Amino acid sequence: MLVVLGAVVVFLFAVIAVNQSAISIRFLAWQTPEWSVFWWLLLAFLSGLGLGLLAIVVLSAKQSLKQRQLRKDLELSNRELHRLRNLSLHD
């Protein structure tokens, strides 16, 4: 699977590298320097990859904290259940 993914990525880079037209991106009054389409696409890909990894790390940390809290609540509930089971009926 990893080999196939690597081959696809290499193929995509080869296809993108063929397109060497220089372009600049303009947004409102801001304009970028002229780079080839390959570099802009590579920058967009790496930015998306970085943002995706950052989102995974943040969501994973949130889930880990929630899981820790749920385990703590479960432990408290189990202690309470054990305490209630051991009470005598005549007390």
Protein backbone atom coordinates (compact mmCIF):
# COMPACT_ATOMS: atom_id res chain seq x y z
CA MET A 1 0.00 0.00 0.00
CA LEU A 2 2.79 2.40 0.93
CA VAL A 3 4.62 1.62 -2.32
CA VAL A 4 1.50 2.39 -4.37
CA LEU A 5 0.98 5.66 -2.51
CA GLY A 6 4.62 6.60 -3.09
CA ALA A 7 4.32 5.80 -6.79
CA VAL A 8 1.20 7.95 -7.09
CA VAL A 9 2.91 10.88 -5.36
CA VAL A 10 5.98 10.58 -7.60
CA PHE A 11 3.74 10.40 -10.68
CA LEU A 12 1.81 13.49 -9.59
CA PHE A 13 5.01 15.43 -8.99
CA ALA A 14 6.26 14.42 -12.44
CA VAL A 15 3.02 15.59 -14.05
CA ILE A 16 3.08 18.86 -12.15
CA ALA A 17 6.77 19.46 -12.91
CA VAL A 18 6.02 19.51 -16.63
CA ASN A 19 3.96 22.67 -16.16
CA GLN A 20 6.63 25.35 -15.75
CA SER A 21 4.58 28.42 -16.69
CA ALA A 22 5.44 31.33 -14.40
CA ILE A 23 2.45 32.91 -12.68
CA SER A 24 1.85 35.33 -9.86
CA ILE A 25 -1.18 35.30 -7.62
CA ARG A 26 -3.05 38.54 -7.03
CA PHE A 27 -5.42 39.05 -4.11
CA LEU A 28 -6.94 42.51 -3.76
CA ALA A 29 -3.91 44.84 -3.74
CA TRP A 30 -1.41 42.12 -2.79
CA GLN A 31 0.59 40.31 -5.47
CA THR A 32 3.03 37.45 -5.09
CA PRO A 33 6.29 37.02 -6.96
CA GLU A 34 6.19 34.97 -10.15
CA TRP A 35 6.83 31.28 -9.58
CA SER A 36 6.14 28.29 -11.74
CA VAL A 37 2.80 26.52 -11.36
CA PHE A 38 4.70 23.53 -9.95
CA TRP A 39 5.98 25.51 -6.96
CA TRP A 40 2.57 27.05 -6.25
CA LEU A 41 0.90 23.64 -6.36
CA LEU A 42 3.63 22.13 -4.21
CA LEU A 43 3.23 24.95 -1.70
CA ALA A 44 -0.55 24.43 -1.64
CA PHE A 45 -0.11 20.67 -1.18
CA LEU A 46 2.40 21.04 1.65
CA SER A 47 0.27 23.72 3.34
CA GLY A 48 -2.76 21.45 3.22
CA LEU A 49 -0.70 18.55 4.51
CA GLY A 50 0.61 20.64 7.39
CA LEU A 51 -2.83 21.98 8.30
CA GLY A 52 -4.28 18.47 8.14
CA LEU A 53 -1.59 17.12 10.45
CA LEU A 54 -2.11 20.02 12.84
CA ALA A 55 -5.86 19.34 12.90
CA ILE A 56 -5.22 15.65 13.60
CA VAL A 57 -2.88 16.50 16.48
CA VAL A 58 -5.38 18.95 18.01
CA LEU A 59 -8.33 16.57 17.66
CA SER A 60 -6.28 13.67 18.99
CA ALA A 61 -5.24 15.69 22.04
CA LYS A 62 -8.84 16.68 22.70
CA GLN A 63 -9.97 13.07 22.43
CA SER A 64 -7.19 11.95 24.74
CA LEU A 65 -8.21 14.47 27.38
CA LYS A 66 -11.86 13.46 27.07
CA GLN A 67 -10.91 9.78 27.34
CA ARG A 68 -8.87 10.50 30.46
CA GLN A 69 -11.84 12.30 32.05
CA LEU A 70 -14.20 9.46 31.15
CA ARG A 71 -11.84 6.88 32.67
CA LYS A 72 -11.66 8.96 35.83
CA ASP A 73 -15.48 9.16 35.98
CA LEU A 74 -15.75 5.42 35.39
CA GLU A 75 -13.32 4.70 38.20
CA LEU A 76 -15.30 6.92 40.58
CA SER A 77 -18.54 5.20 39.54
CA ASN A 78 -17.00 1.76 40.06
CA ARG A 79 -15.79 2.75 43.53
CA GLU A 80 -19.25 4.03 44.42
CA LEU A 81 -20.88 0.87 43.09
CA HIS A 82 -18.47 -1.29 45.08
CA ARG A 83 -19.16 0.75 48.22
CA LEU A 84 -22.92 0.45 47.74
CA ARG A 85 -22.73 -3.30 47.14
CA ASN A 86 -20.83 -3.80 50.37
CA LEU A 87 -23.29 -1.93 52.54
CA SER A 88 -25.31 -4.14 54.81
CA LEU A 89 -29.07 -4.02 54.43
CA HIS A 90 -29.60 -3.39 58.14
CA ASP A 91 -27.52 -0.23 58.42
